[in-house]
PDB file of all heavy atoms in Angstrom:
ATOM      1  N   SER A   1       0.852  -1.189   0.000  1.00  0.00           N
ATOM      2  CA  SER A   1       0.000   0.000   0.000  1.00  0.00           C
ATOM      3  C   SER A   1       0.887   1.237   0.000  1.00  0.00           C
ATOM      4  O   SER A   1       1.953   1.243   0.620  1.00  0.00           O
ATOM      5  CB  SER A   1      -0.928   0.010   1.220  1.00  0.00           C
ATOM      6  OG  SER A   1      -0.192   0.051   2.420  1.00  0.00           O
ATOM      7  N   ILE A   2       0.450   2.267  -0.709  1.00  0.00           N
ATOM      8  CA  ILE A   2       1.199   3.518  -0.824  1.00  0.00           C
ATOM      9  C   ILE A   2       0.433   4.620  -0.111  1.00  0.00           C
ATOM     10  O   ILE A   2      -0.767   4.800  -0.331  1.00  0.00           O
ATOM     11  CB  ILE A   2       1.423   3.905  -2.301  1.00  0.00           C
ATOM     12  CG1 ILE A   2       2.179   2.801  -3.043  1.00  0.00           C
ATOM     13  CG2 ILE A   2       2.196   5.236  -2.380  1.00  0.00           C
ATOM     14  CD1 ILE A   2       3.583   2.533  -2.528  1.00  0.00           C
ATOM     15  N   LYS A   3       1.125   5.373   0.721  1.00  0.00           N
ATOM     16  CA  LYS A   3       0.513   6.463   1.464  1.00  0.00           C
ATOM     17  C   LYS A   3       1.266   7.748   1.177  1.00  0.00           C
ATOM     18  O   LYS A   3       2.497   7.791   1.274  1.00  0.00           O
ATOM     19  CB  LYS A   3       0.553   6.167   2.967  1.00  0.00           C
ATOM     20  CG  LYS A   3      -0.039   7.281   3.829  1.00  0.00           C
ATOM     21  CD  LYS A   3       0.092   6.949   5.316  1.00  0.00           C
ATOM     22  CE  LYS A   3      -0.519   8.053   6.165  1.00  0.00           C
ATOM     23  NZ  LYS A   3      -0.350   7.781   7.625  1.00  0.00           N
ATOM     24  N   GLU A   4       0.549   8.803   0.819  1.00  0.00           N
ATOM     25  CA  GLU A   4       1.194  10.092   0.617  1.00  0.00           C
ATOM     26  C   GLU A   4       1.442  10.766   1.966  1.00  0.00           C
ATOM     27  O   GLU A   4       0.606  10.698   2.872  1.00  0.00           O
ATOM     28  CB  GLU A   4       0.346  10.997  -0.275  1.00  0.00           C
ATOM     29  CG  GLU A   4       1.037  12.314  -0.603  1.00  0.00           C
ATOM     30  CD  GLU A   4       0.394  13.082  -1.735  1.00  0.00           C
ATOM     31  OE1 GLU A   4      -0.644  12.618  -2.264  1.00  0.00           O
ATOM     32  OE2 GLU A   4       0.947  14.148  -2.111  1.00  0.00           O
ATOM     33  N   VAL A   5       2.577  11.429   2.089  1.00  0.00           N
ATOM     34  CA  VAL A   5       2.928  12.143   3.316  1.00  0.00           C
ATOM     35  C   VAL A   5       2.067  13.403   3.417  1.00  0.00           C
ATOM     36  O   VAL A   5       2.123  14.271   2.540  1.00  0.00           O
ATOM     37  CB  VAL A   5       4.423  12.505   3.322  1.00  0.00           C
ATOM     38  CG1 VAL A   5       4.752  13.450   4.472  1.00  0.00           C
ATOM     39  CG2 VAL A   5       5.269  11.243   3.405  1.00  0.00           C
ATOM     40  N   THR A   6       1.290  13.486   4.482  1.00  0.00           N
ATOM     41  CA  THR A   6       0.416  14.653   4.671  1.00  0.00           C
ATOM     42  C   THR A   6       0.519  15.249   6.065  1.00  0.00           C
ATOM     43  O   THR A   6       0.037  16.353   6.291  1.00  0.00           O
ATOM     44  CB  THR A   6      -1.058  14.276   4.409  1.00  0.00           C
ATOM     45  OG1 THR A   6      -1.441  13.209   5.291  1.00  0.00           O
ATOM     46  CG2 THR A   6      -1.268  13.850   2.966  1.00  0.00           C
ATOM     47  N   THR A   7       1.135  14.533   7.001  1.00  0.00           N
ATOM     48  CA  THR A   7       1.218  15.008   8.381  1.00  0.00           C
ATOM     49  C   THR A   7       2.666  15.072   8.840  1.00  0.00           C
ATOM     50  O   THR A   7       3.572  14.541   8.188  1.00  0.00           O
ATOM     51  CB  THR A   7       0.454  14.062   9.327  1.00  0.00           C
ATOM     52  OG1 THR A   7       1.127  12.788   9.364  1.00  0.00           O
ATOM     53  CG2 THR A   7      -0.978  13.869   8.860  1.00  0.00           C
ATOM     54  N   LYS A   8       2.901  15.719   9.959  1.00  0.00           N
ATOM     55  CA  LYS A   8       4.241  15.793  10.530  1.00  0.00           C
ATOM     56  C   LYS A   8       4.763  14.407  10.888  1.00  0.00           C
ATOM     57  O   LYS A   8       5.953  14.114  10.703  1.00  0.00           O
ATOM     58  CB  LYS A   8       4.242  16.691  11.762  1.00  0.00           C
ATOM     59  CG  LYS A   8       4.068  18.168  11.448  1.00  0.00           C
ATOM     60  CD  LYS A   8       4.159  19.011  12.723  1.00  0.00           C
ATOM     61  CE  LYS A   8       4.028  20.494  12.405  1.00  0.00           C
ATOM     62  NZ  LYS A   8       4.105  21.333  13.630  1.00  0.00           N
ATOM     63  N   SER A   9       3.900  13.557  11.402  1.00  0.00           N
ATOM     64  CA  SER A   9       4.340  12.201  11.750  1.00  0.00           C
ATOM     65  C   SER A   9       4.698  11.407  10.505  1.00  0.00           C
ATOM     66  O   SER A   9       5.652  10.612  10.513  1.00  0.00           O
ATOM     67  CB  SER A   9       3.257  11.475  12.555  1.00  0.00           C
ATOM     68  OG  SER A   9       2.058  11.364  11.813  1.00  0.00           O
ATOM     69  N   ASP A  10       3.961  11.636   9.409  1.00  0.00           N
ATOM     70  CA  ASP A  10       4.316  10.985   8.130  1.00  0.00           C
ATOM     71  C   ASP A  10       5.705  11.444   7.671  1.00  0.00           C
ATOM     72  O   ASP A  10       6.517  10.636   7.208  1.00  0.00           O
ATOM     73  CB  ASP A  10       3.301  11.351   7.044  1.00  0.00           C
ATOM     74  CG  ASP A  10       1.950  10.713   7.238  1.00  0.00           C
ATOM     75  OD1 ASP A  10       1.854   9.728   7.986  1.00  0.00           O
ATOM     76  OD2 ASP A  10       0.980  11.217   6.637  1.00  0.00           O
ATOM     77  N   LEU A  11       5.948  12.744   7.781  1.00  0.00           N
ATOM     78  CA  LEU A  11       7.227  13.287   7.333  1.00  0.00           C
ATOM     79  C   LEU A  11       8.375  12.724   8.169  1.00  0.00           C
ATOM     80  O   LEU A  11       9.444  12.401   7.638  1.00  0.00           O
ATOM     81  CB  LEU A  11       7.213  14.812   7.398  1.00  0.00           C
ATOM     82  CG  LEU A  11       8.482  15.515   6.910  1.00  0.00           C
ATOM     83  CD1 LEU A  11       8.818  15.121   5.480  1.00  0.00           C
ATOM     84  CD2 LEU A  11       8.334  17.036   7.015  1.00  0.00           C
ATOM     85  N   LYS A  12       8.170  12.608   9.471  1.00  0.00           N
ATOM     86  CA  LYS A  12       9.206  12.019  10.321  1.00  0.00           C
ATOM     87  C   LYS A  12       9.466  10.570   9.923  1.00  0.00           C
ATOM     88  O   LYS A  12      10.614  10.119   9.889  1.00  0.00           O
ATOM     89  CB  LYS A  12       8.795  12.102  11.783  1.00  0.00           C
ATOM     90  CG  LYS A  12       8.915  13.496  12.379  1.00  0.00           C
ATOM     91  CD  LYS A  12       8.578  13.495  13.864  1.00  0.00           C
ATOM     92  CE  LYS A  12       8.727  14.900  14.453  1.00  0.00           C
ATOM     93  NZ  LYS A  12       8.371  14.921  15.907  1.00  0.00           N
ATOM     94  N   ALA A  13       8.406   9.851   9.599  1.00  0.00           N
ATOM     95  CA  ALA A  13       8.569   8.465   9.158  1.00  0.00           C
ATOM     96  C   ALA A  13       9.356   8.408   7.850  1.00  0.00           C
ATOM     97  O   ALA A  13      10.212   7.536   7.648  1.00  0.00           O
ATOM     98  CB  ALA A  13       7.203   7.807   8.987  1.00  0.00           C
ATOM     99  N   PHE A  14       9.074   9.361   6.954  1.00  0.00           N
ATOM    100  CA  PHE A  14       9.780   9.444   5.672  1.00  0.00           C
ATOM    101  C   PHE A  14      11.275   9.675   5.903  1.00  0.00           C
ATOM    102  O   PHE A  14      12.126   8.991   5.314  1.00  0.00           O
ATOM    103  CB  PHE A  14       9.183  10.588   4.845  1.00  0.00           C
ATOM    104  CG  PHE A  14       9.787  10.770   3.481  1.00  0.00           C
ATOM    105  CD1 PHE A  14       9.245  10.144   2.381  1.00  0.00           C
ATOM    106  CD2 PHE A  14      10.895  11.594   3.294  1.00  0.00           C
ATOM    107  CE1 PHE A  14       9.800  10.323   1.114  1.00  0.00           C
ATOM    108  CE2 PHE A  14      11.453  11.778   2.040  1.00  0.00           C
ATOM    109  CZ  PHE A  14      10.902  11.134   0.946  1.00  0.00           C
ATOM    110  N   VAL A  15      11.602  10.647   6.746  1.00  0.00           N
ATOM    111  CA  VAL A  15      13.001  11.005   7.007  1.00  0.00           C
ATOM    112  C   VAL A  15      13.737   9.895   7.753  1.00  0.00           C
ATOM    113  O   VAL A  15      14.915   9.631   7.494  1.00  0.00           O
ATOM    114  CB  VAL A  15      13.060  12.334   7.788  1.00  0.00           C
ATOM    115  CG1 VAL A  15      14.464  12.591   8.335  1.00  0.00           C
ATOM    116  CG2 VAL A  15      12.617  13.491   6.893  1.00  0.00           C
ATOM    117  N   LYS A  16      13.043   9.214   8.647  1.00  0.00           N
ATOM    118  CA  LYS A  16      13.705   8.224   9.507  1.00  0.00           C
ATOM    119  C   LYS A  16      13.761   6.822   8.898  1.00  0.00           C
ATOM    120  O   LYS A  16      14.469   5.956   9.425  1.00  0.00           O
ATOM    121  CB  LYS A  16      13.004   8.164  10.861  1.00  0.00           C
ATOM    122  CG  LYS A  16      13.212   9.415  11.712  1.00  0.00           C
ATOM    123  CD  LYS A  16      12.565   9.257  13.084  1.00  0.00           C
ATOM    124  CE  LYS A  16      12.836  10.450  13.965  1.00  0.00           C
ATOM    125  NZ  LYS A  16      12.233  10.305  15.318  1.00  0.00           N
ATOM    126  N   PHE A  17      13.061   6.580   7.801  1.00  0.00           N
ATOM    127  CA  PHE A  17      13.059   5.228   7.226  1.00  0.00           C
ATOM    128  C   PHE A  17      14.463   4.690   6.943  1.00  0.00           C
ATOM    129  O   PHE A  17      14.760   3.533   7.254  1.00  0.00           O
ATOM    130  CB  PHE A  17      12.205   5.181   5.956  1.00  0.00           C
ATOM    131  CG  PHE A  17      12.322   3.870   5.224  1.00  0.00           C
ATOM    132  CD1 PHE A  17      11.851   2.699   5.793  1.00  0.00           C
ATOM    133  CD2 PHE A  17      12.935   3.801   3.976  1.00  0.00           C
ATOM    134  CE1 PHE A  17      11.970   1.478   5.126  1.00  0.00           C
ATOM    135  CE2 PHE A  17      13.065   2.604   3.311  1.00  0.00           C
ATOM    136  CZ  PHE A  17      12.580   1.430   3.884  1.00  0.00           C
ATOM    137  N   PRO A  18      15.385   5.485   6.355  1.00  0.00           N
ATOM    138  CA  PRO A  18      16.725   4.942   6.096  1.00  0.00           C
ATOM    139  C   PRO A  18      17.467   4.503   7.361  1.00  0.00           C
ATOM    140  O   PRO A  18      18.362   3.647   7.287  1.00  0.00           O
ATOM    141  CB  PRO A  18      17.455   6.106   5.411  1.00  0.00           C
ATOM    142  CG  PRO A  18      16.369   6.938   4.833  1.00  0.00           C
ATOM    143  CD  PRO A  18      15.248   6.844   5.819  1.00  0.00           C
ATOM    144  N   PHE A  19      17.137   5.083   8.503  1.00  0.00           N
ATOM    145  CA  PHE A  19      17.782   4.677   9.748  1.00  0.00           C
ATOM    146  C   PHE A  19      17.484   3.213  10.058  1.00  0.00           C
ATOM    147  O   PHE A  19      18.327   2.509  10.625  1.00  0.00           O
ATOM    148  CB  PHE A  19      17.321   5.567  10.911  1.00  0.00           C
ATOM    149  CG  PHE A  19      17.892   6.956  10.866  1.00  0.00           C
ATOM    150  CD1 PHE A  19      17.368   7.914  10.013  1.00  0.00           C
ATOM    151  CD2 PHE A  19      18.961   7.306  11.674  1.00  0.00           C
ATOM    152  CE1 PHE A  19      17.903   9.201   9.958  1.00  0.00           C
ATOM    153  CE2 PHE A  19      19.503   8.588  11.633  1.00  0.00           C
ATOM    154  CZ  PHE A  19      18.975   9.532  10.773  1.00  0.00           C
ATOM    155  N   LYS A  20      16.308   2.785   9.682  1.00  0.00           N
ATOM    156  CA  LYS A  20      15.947   1.371   9.849  1.00  0.00           C
ATOM    157  C   LYS A  20      16.587   0.516   8.760  1.00  0.00           C
ATOM    158  O   LYS A  20      17.162  -0.547   9.038  1.00  0.00           O
ATOM    159  CB  LYS A  20      14.420   1.236   9.805  1.00  0.00           C
ATOM    160  CG  LYS A  20      13.912  -0.192   9.780  1.00  0.00           C
ATOM    161  CD  LYS A  20      12.403  -0.216   9.554  1.00  0.00           C
ATOM    162  CE  LYS A  20      11.890  -1.642   9.374  1.00  0.00           C
ATOM    163  NZ  LYS A  20      10.433  -1.667   9.060  1.00  0.00           N
ATOM    164  N   LEU A  21      16.511   0.999   7.527  1.00  0.00           N
ATOM    165  CA  LEU A  21      17.002   0.221   6.388  1.00  0.00           C
ATOM    166  C   LEU A  21      18.507  -0.014   6.467  1.00  0.00           C
ATOM    167  O   LEU A  21      18.999  -1.100   6.135  1.00  0.00           O
ATOM    168  CB  LEU A  21      16.648   0.955   5.092  1.00  0.00           C
ATOM    169  CG  LEU A  21      16.960   0.235   3.777  1.00  0.00           C
ATOM    170  CD1 LEU A  21      16.109  -1.018   3.634  1.00  0.00           C
ATOM    171  CD2 LEU A  21      16.707   1.173   2.588  1.00  0.00           C
ATOM    172  N   TYR A  22      19.250   1.013   6.922  1.00  0.00           N
ATOM    173  CA  TYR A  22      20.713   0.939   6.917  1.00  0.00           C
ATOM    174  C   TYR A  22      21.314   0.783   8.311  1.00  0.00           C
ATOM    175  O   TYR A  22      22.497   1.062   8.515  1.00  0.00           O
ATOM    176  CB  TYR A  22      21.289   2.199   6.255  1.00  0.00           C
ATOM    177  CG  TYR A  22      20.955   2.305   4.793  1.00  0.00           C
ATOM    178  CD1 TYR A  22      19.981   3.200   4.348  1.00  0.00           C
ATOM    179  CD2 TYR A  22      21.591   1.504   3.852  1.00  0.00           C
ATOM    180  CE1 TYR A  22      19.656   3.296   3.008  1.00  0.00           C
ATOM    181  CE2 TYR A  22      21.276   1.592   2.511  1.00  0.00           C
ATOM    182  CZ  TYR A  22      20.309   2.491   2.095  1.00  0.00           C
ATOM    183  OH  TYR A  22      19.996   2.573   0.765  1.00  0.00           O
ATOM    184  N   LYS A  23      20.522   0.314   9.260  1.00  0.00           N
ATOM    185  CA  LYS A  23      20.998   0.254  10.641  1.00  0.00           C
ATOM    186  C   LYS A  23      22.220  -0.657  10.800  1.00  0.00           C
ATOM    187  O   LYS A  23      23.029  -0.460  11.712  1.00  0.00           O
ATOM    188  CB  LYS A  23      19.887  -0.212  11.568  1.00  0.00           C
ATOM    189  CG  LYS A  23      19.395  -1.629  11.308  1.00  0.00           C
ATOM    190  CD  LYS A  23      18.283  -2.005  12.276  1.00  0.00           C
ATOM    191  CE  LYS A  23      17.799  -3.439  12.016  1.00  0.00           C
ATOM    192  NZ  LYS A  23      16.729  -3.820  12.973  1.00  0.00           N
ATOM    193  N   ASP A  24      22.387  -1.623   9.909  1.00  0.00           N
ATOM    194  CA  ASP A  24      23.519  -2.543  10.020  1.00  0.00           C
ATOM    195  C   ASP A  24      24.651  -2.211   9.049  1.00  0.00           C
ATOM    196  O   ASP A  24      25.633  -2.955   8.949  1.00  0.00           O
ATOM    197  CB  ASP A  24      23.048  -3.983   9.772  1.00  0.00           C
ATOM    198  CG  ASP A  24      22.050  -4.452  10.810  1.00  0.00           C
ATOM    199  OD1 ASP A  24      22.216  -4.093  11.990  1.00  0.00           O
ATOM    200  OD2 ASP A  24      21.092  -5.175  10.443  1.00  0.00           O
ATOM    201  N   SER A  25      24.532  -1.083   8.327  1.00  0.00           N
ATOM    202  CA  SER A  25      25.562  -0.715   7.350  1.00  0.00           C
ATOM    203  C   SER A  25      26.628   0.166   8.000  1.00  0.00           C
ATOM    204  O   SER A  25      26.306   1.157   8.654  1.00  0.00           O
ATOM    205  CB  SER A  25      24.934   0.044   6.178  1.00  0.00           C
ATOM    206  OG  SER A  25      25.937   0.555   5.315  1.00  0.00           O
ATOM    207  N   LYS A  26      27.875  -0.192   7.778  1.00  0.00           N
ATOM    208  CA  LYS A  26      28.972   0.631   8.306  1.00  0.00           C
ATOM    209  C   LYS A  26      29.412   1.694   7.302  1.00  0.00           C
ATOM    210  O   LYS A  26      30.333   2.466   7.580  1.00  0.00           O
ATOM    211  CB  LYS A  26      30.153  -0.240   8.705  1.00  0.00           C
ATOM    212  CG  LYS A  26      30.759  -1.065   7.584  1.00  0.00           C
ATOM    213  CD  LYS A  26      31.878  -1.955   8.123  1.00  0.00           C
ATOM    214  CE  LYS A  26      32.494  -2.814   7.031  1.00  0.00           C
ATOM    215  NZ  LYS A  26      33.569  -3.701   7.553  1.00  0.00           N
ATOM    216  N   TYR A  27      28.749   1.732   6.144  1.00  0.00           N
ATOM    217  CA  TYR A  27      29.124   2.694   5.110  1.00  0.00           C
ATOM    218  C   TYR A  27      28.117   3.828   4.953  1.00  0.00           C
ATOM    219  O   TYR A  27      28.404   4.821   4.303  1.00  0.00           O
ATOM    220  CB  TYR A  27      29.300   1.982   3.767  1.00  0.00           C
ATOM    221  CG  TYR A  27      30.302   0.857   3.822  1.00  0.00           C
ATOM    222  CD1 TYR A  27      29.920  -0.464   3.573  1.00  0.00           C
ATOM    223  CD2 TYR A  27      31.634   1.108   4.152  1.00  0.00           C
ATOM    224  CE1 TYR A  27      30.840  -1.493   3.632  1.00  0.00           C
ATOM    225  CE2 TYR A  27      32.558   0.075   4.220  1.00  0.00           C
ATOM    226  CZ  TYR A  27      32.150  -1.226   3.961  1.00  0.00           C
ATOM    227  OH  TYR A  27      33.054  -2.250   4.028  1.00  0.00           O
ATOM    228  N   TRP A  28      26.938   3.676   5.527  1.00  0.00           N
ATOM    229  CA  TRP A  28      25.901   4.702   5.429  1.00  0.00           C
ATOM    230  C   TRP A  28      26.146   5.776   6.483  1.00  0.00           C
ATOM    231  O   TRP A  28      26.379   5.474   7.654  1.00  0.00           O
ATOM    232  CB  TRP A  28      24.524   4.081   5.635  1.00  0.00           C
ATOM    233  CG  TRP A  28      23.389   5.062   5.618  1.00  0.00           C
ATOM    234  CD1 TRP A  28      22.957   5.798   4.561  1.00  0.00           C
ATOM    235  CD2 TRP A  28      22.530   5.398   6.722  1.00  0.00           C
ATOM    236  NE1 TRP A  28      21.875   6.577   4.923  1.00  0.00           N
ATOM    237  CE2 TRP A  28      21.591   6.356   6.244  1.00  0.00           C
ATOM    238  CE3 TRP A  28      22.459   4.987   8.054  1.00  0.00           C
ATOM    239  CZ2 TRP A  28      20.604   6.902   7.055  1.00  0.00           C
ATOM    240  CZ3 TRP A  28      21.474   5.536   8.868  1.00  0.00           C
ATOM    241  CH2 TRP A  28      20.563   6.477   8.376  1.00  0.00           C
ATOM    242  N   ALA A  29      26.106   7.040   6.067  1.00  0.00           N
ATOM    243  CA  ALA A  29      26.246   8.165   6.989  1.00  0.00           C
ATOM    244  C   ALA A  29      24.868   8.812   7.152  1.00  0.00           C
ATOM    245  O   ALA A  29      24.316   9.353   6.194  1.00  0.00           O
ATOM    246  CB  ALA A  29      27.242   9.187   6.459  1.00  0.00           C
ATOM    247  N   PRO A  30      24.291   8.755   8.340  1.00  0.00           N
ATOM    248  CA  PRO A  30      22.937   9.287   8.537  1.00  0.00           C
ATOM    249  C   PRO A  30      22.879  10.785   8.286  1.00  0.00           C
ATOM    250  O   PRO A  30      23.824  11.522   8.598  1.00  0.00           O
ATOM    251  CB  PRO A  30      22.646   8.987  10.012  1.00  0.00           C
ATOM    252  CG  PRO A  30      23.634   7.955  10.418  1.00  0.00           C
ATOM    253  CD  PRO A  30      24.847   8.186   9.581  1.00  0.00           C
ATOM    254  N   PRO A  31      21.772  11.268   7.752  1.00  0.00           N
ATOM    255  CA  PRO A  31      21.580  12.711   7.665  1.00  0.00           C
ATOM    256  C   PRO A  31      21.250  13.257   9.048  1.00  0.00           C
ATOM    257  O   PRO A  31      20.947  12.503   9.977  1.00  0.00           O
ATOM    258  CB  PRO A  31      20.388  12.847   6.722  1.00  0.00           C
ATOM    259  CG  PRO A  31      19.582  11.614   7.001  1.00  0.00           C
ATOM    260  CD  PRO A  31      20.603  10.525   7.248  1.00  0.00           C
ATOM    261  N   ILE A  32      21.312  14.575   9.189  1.00  0.00           N
ATOM    262  CA  ILE A  32      20.844  15.220  10.416  1.00  0.00           C
ATOM    263  C   ILE A  32      19.327  15.359  10.288  1.00  0.00           C
ATOM    264  O   ILE A  32      18.831  16.026   9.373  1.00  0.00           O
ATOM    265  CB  ILE A  32      21.517  16.588  10.609  1.00  0.00           C
ATOM    266  CG1 ILE A  32      23.035  16.405  10.733  1.00  0.00           C
ATOM    267  CG2 ILE A  32      20.974  17.292  11.844  1.00  0.00           C
ATOM    268  CD1 ILE A  32      23.811  17.704  10.721  1.00  0.00           C
ATOM    269  N   ILE A  33      18.601  14.706  11.160  1.00  0.00           N
ATOM    270  CA  ILE A  33      17.149  14.615  11.029  1.00  0.00           C
ATOM    271  C   ILE A  33      16.505  15.992  10.938  1.00  0.00           C
ATOM    272  O   ILE A  33      15.642  16.232  10.078  1.00  0.00           O
ATOM    273  CB  ILE A  33      16.556  13.809  12.200  1.00  0.00           C
ATOM    274  CG1 ILE A  33      17.009  12.353  12.103  1.00  0.00           C
ATOM    275  CG2 ILE A  33      15.032  13.900  12.208  1.00  0.00           C
ATOM    276  CD1 ILE A  33      16.657  11.509  13.324  1.00  0.00           C
ATOM    277  N   SER A  34      16.910  16.906  11.794  1.00  0.00           N
ATOM    278  CA  SER A  34      16.297  18.239  11.791  1.00  0.00           C
ATOM    279  C   SER A  34      16.522  18.953  10.464  1.00  0.00           C
ATOM    280  O   SER A  34      15.640  19.677   9.975  1.00  0.00           O
ATOM    281  CB  SER A  34      16.846  19.080  12.943  1.00  0.00           C
ATOM    282  OG  SER A  34      18.259  19.233  12.841  1.00  0.00           O
ATOM    283  N   GLU A  35      17.694  18.749   9.843  1.00  0.00           N
ATOM    284  CA  GLU A  35      17.975  19.380   8.558  1.00  0.00           C
ATOM    285  C   GLU A  35      17.166  18.751   7.434  1.00  0.00           C
ATOM    286  O   GLU A  35      16.703  19.441   6.517  1.00  0.00           O
ATOM    287  CB  GLU A  35      19.473  19.296   8.249  1.00  0.00           C
ATOM    288  CG  GLU A  35      20.345  20.132   9.156  1.00  0.00           C
ATOM    289  CD  GLU A  35      20.029  21.617   9.072  1.00  0.00           C
ATOM    290  OE1 GLU A  35      19.879  22.132   7.941  1.00  0.00           O
ATOM    291  OE2 GLU A  35      19.913  22.258  10.137  1.00  0.00           O
TER     292      GLU A  35
END
């Protein structure tokens, strides 16, 4: 299912998804969430 981002919580989920996807990668450099 596809959901469009419309709320602040959706946007946080969008920004934070790579933190879950790459949690075991030693080559991924996380972005600054606030930025």
